Amino acid sequence: MEQRDYVQKQIEQLGLLFEALAARISQIPQSNRGATIQPVLNNLQKEAGFTVEDVIELHHENLDLFIQQHLHNNLTLTERLAYLVEQVARHNEQNIPGQRQAYIYKSALQLLEHVNRNSDVFSFERSAKIEQLKKISLHTPNTQNPNH
């Protein structure tokens, strides 16, 4: 029981961390995003043990294992992480080549699709975001993992 409480506490802390990171990214002025976003992302690595880049570089077949190992199959955390990944792509639009940016959006899409497949709760917001990310992915023909 003590182990379960500890894991639940860790999951809750990751959720709060994702929320805080996404909020901080969205409040960064466009002109300062490049220099300011890196410390926010470094905080994720320090606190959660993985980086947004780790998530972005995942191949689709490894997604379920990553979610199980790092997020303890918590769909709420997975959805928050997807929104964080999307924020990274959206707020770095001018610094990331189009193909790479589309790949990052595709990573967020894959996370949200995983949540949709495994959740018992339907979300209009999540479904709308999935459709939005699909449209973005369609605008770039090759969304395979491009090298930086």
Protein backbone atom coordinates (compact mmCIF):
# COMPACT_ATOMS: atom_id res chain seq x y z
CA MET A 1 0.00 0.00 0.00
CA GLU A 2 2.87 2.36 0.83
CA GLN A 3 4.43 1.68 -2.61
CA ARG A 4 1.14 2.50 -4.32
CA ASP A 5 0.78 5.77 -2.40
CA TYR A 6 4.32 6.74 -3.37
CA VAL A 7 3.68 6.03 -7.07
CA GLN A 8 0.40 7.96 -6.94
CA LYS A 9 2.20 10.92 -5.37
CA GLN A 10 4.86 10.80 -8.10
CA ILE A 11 2.17 10.73 -10.80
CA GLU A 12 0.43 13.73 -9.26
CA GLN A 13 3.72 15.63 -9.11
CA LEU A 14 4.40 14.90 -12.80
CA GLY A 15 0.94 16.20 -13.66
CA LEU A 16 1.57 19.43 -11.80
CA LEU A 17 4.96 19.74 -13.46
CA PHE A 18 3.46 19.32 -16.96
CA GLU A 19 0.80 21.92 -16.21
CA ALA A 20 3.37 24.38 -14.87
CA LEU A 21 5.71 23.87 -17.84
CA ALA A 22 2.94 24.32 -20.40
CA ALA A 23 1.74 27.46 -18.61
CA ARG A 24 5.24 28.91 -18.51
CA ILE A 25 5.85 28.19 -22.20
CA SER A 26 2.57 29.79 -23.24
CA GLN A 27 3.37 32.97 -21.29
CA ILE A 28 6.81 33.50 -22.83
CA PRO A 29 6.80 36.43 -25.28
CA GLN A 30 7.48 35.37 -28.89
CA SER A 31 10.75 37.30 -29.04
CA ASN A 32 12.19 35.54 -25.96
CA ARG A 33 10.98 31.99 -26.54
CA GLY A 34 14.17 30.56 -28.00
CA ALA A 35 16.35 31.58 -25.04
CA THR A 36 13.71 31.14 -22.34
CA ILE A 37 12.19 27.80 -23.25
CA GLN A 38 15.35 25.74 -22.71
CA PRO A 39 15.45 26.17 -18.91
CA VAL A 40 11.79 25.12 -18.78
CA LEU A 41 12.56 21.97 -20.74
CA ASN A 42 15.64 21.27 -18.63
CA ASN A 43 13.40 21.37 -15.57
CA LEU A 44 11.30 18.57 -17.09
CA GLN A 45 14.42 16.43 -17.47
CA LYS A 46 15.49 17.11 -13.90
CA GLU A 47 12.06 16.47 -12.37
CA ALA A 48 10.63 13.72 -14.60
CA GLY A 49 13.76 11.91 -15.79
CA PHE A 50 13.07 12.40 -19.50
CA THR A 51 13.00 15.26 -21.95
CA VAL A 52 10.45 16.44 -24.46
CA GLU A 53 13.03 15.46 -27.09
CA ASP A 54 12.92 11.89 -25.73
CA VAL A 55 9.17 11.86 -26.35
CA ILE A 56 9.52 13.42 -29.78
CA GLU A 57 12.13 10.85 -30.84
CA LEU A 58 9.96 7.88 -29.84
CA HIS A 59 8.87 5.57 -32.59
CA HIS A 60 5.15 4.79 -32.54
CA GLU A 61 5.76 1.16 -31.57
CA ASN A 62 7.65 2.28 -28.44
CA LEU A 63 4.99 4.70 -27.29
CA ASP A 64 3.02 2.28 -25.11
CA LEU A 65 6.17 1.12 -23.33
CA PHE A 66 7.29 4.71 -22.69
CA ILE A 67 3.89 5.63 -21.26
CA GLN A 68 3.95 2.54 -19.05
CA GLN A 69 7.50 3.13 -17.78
CA HIS A 70 7.53 6.91 -17.35
CA LEU A 71 3.89 7.86 -16.88
CA HIS A 72 2.63 4.67 -15.19
CA ASN A 73 -0.15 4.34 -17.82
CA ASN A 74 -1.74 7.54 -16.54
CA LEU A 75 -3.82 8.90 -19.41
CA THR A 76 -4.21 12.32 -17.83
CA LEU A 77 -0.42 12.73 -17.71
CA THR A 78 -0.11 11.41 -21.24
CA GLU A 79 -2.61 13.98 -22.47
CA ARG A 80 -0.82 16.80 -20.63
CA LEU A 81 2.48 15.69 -22.09
CA ALA A 82 0.95 15.75 -25.58
CA TYR A 83 -0.15 19.36 -25.04
CA LEU A 84 3.35 20.21 -23.78
CA VAL A 85 4.94 18.67 -26.89
CA GLU A 86 2.52 20.63 -29.07
CA GLN A 87 3.44 23.84 -27.23
CA VAL A 88 7.12 23.21 -27.96
CA ALA A 89 6.38 22.91 -31.68
CA ARG A 90 4.02 25.88 -31.74
CA HIS A 91 6.33 28.22 -29.85
CA ASN A 92 9.43 27.31 -31.82
CA GLU A 93 7.87 27.67 -35.26
CA GLN A 94 10.46 30.16 -36.47
CA ASN A 95 13.44 28.14 -35.20
CA ILE A 96 12.45 24.66 -36.43
CA PRO A 97 12.47 23.58 -40.09
CA GLY A 98 8.99 22.70 -41.39
CA GLN A 99 9.62 18.97 -41.68
CA ARG A 100 10.97 18.76 -38.13
CA GLN A 101 8.09 20.84 -36.80
CA ALA A 102 5.57 18.53 -38.49
CA TYR A 103 7.29 15.55 -36.89
CA ILE A 104 6.96 17.17 -33.45
CA TYR A 105 3.26 17.80 -34.06
CA LYS A 106 2.96 14.13 -35.13
CA SER A 107 4.46 13.10 -31.78
CA ALA A 108 1.81 15.10 -29.94
CA LEU A 109 -0.83 13.54 -32.19
CA GLN A 110 0.37 10.02 -31.39
CA LEU A 111 0.19 10.70 -27.66
CA LEU A 112 -3.36 12.04 -27.95
CA GLU A 113 -4.43 9.13 -30.13
CA HIS A 114 -3.08 6.77 -27.49
CA VAL A 115 -5.22 8.53 -24.89
CA ASN A 116 -8.27 8.31 -27.15
CA ARG A 117 -7.77 4.58 -27.75
CA ASN A 118 -7.36 3.77 -24.07
CA SER A 119 -9.69 6.21 -22.34
CA ASP A 120 -13.24 5.44 -21.27
CA VAL A 121 -14.02 9.16 -21.26
CA PHE A 122 -14.77 11.01 -24.49
CA SER A 123 -13.38 14.53 -24.73
CA PHE A 124 -14.55 17.03 -27.35
CA GLU A 125 -11.46 19.14 -26.66
CA ARG A 126 -9.12 16.20 -27.19
CA SER A 127 -10.94 15.12 -30.36
CA ALA A 128 -10.75 18.66 -31.76
CA LYS A 129 -7.04 18.82 -30.95
CA ILE A 130 -6.48 15.47 -32.68
CA GLU A 131 -8.22 16.74 -35.81
CA GLN A 132 -6.21 19.96 -35.70
CA LEU A 133 -2.92 18.03 -35.40
CA LYS A 134 -3.94 15.68 -38.23
CA LYS A 135 -4.48 18.69 -40.50
CA ILE A 136 -1.07 20.08 -39.56
CA SER A 137 0.53 16.69 -40.26
CA LEU A 138 -1.13 16.51 -43.68
CA HIS A 139 0.41 19.81 -44.76
CA THR A 140 3.89 18.31 -44.58
CA PRO A 141 4.14 15.19 -46.74
CA ASN A 142 7.10 13.54 -44.99
CA THR A 143 6.75 13.39 -41.21
CA GLN A 144 9.28 10.67 -40.64
CA ASN A 145 11.87 11.41 -38.00
CA PRO A 146 14.13 13.99 -39.67
CA ASN A 147 17.52 14.66 -38.20
CA HIS A 148 17.69 18.04 -36.49
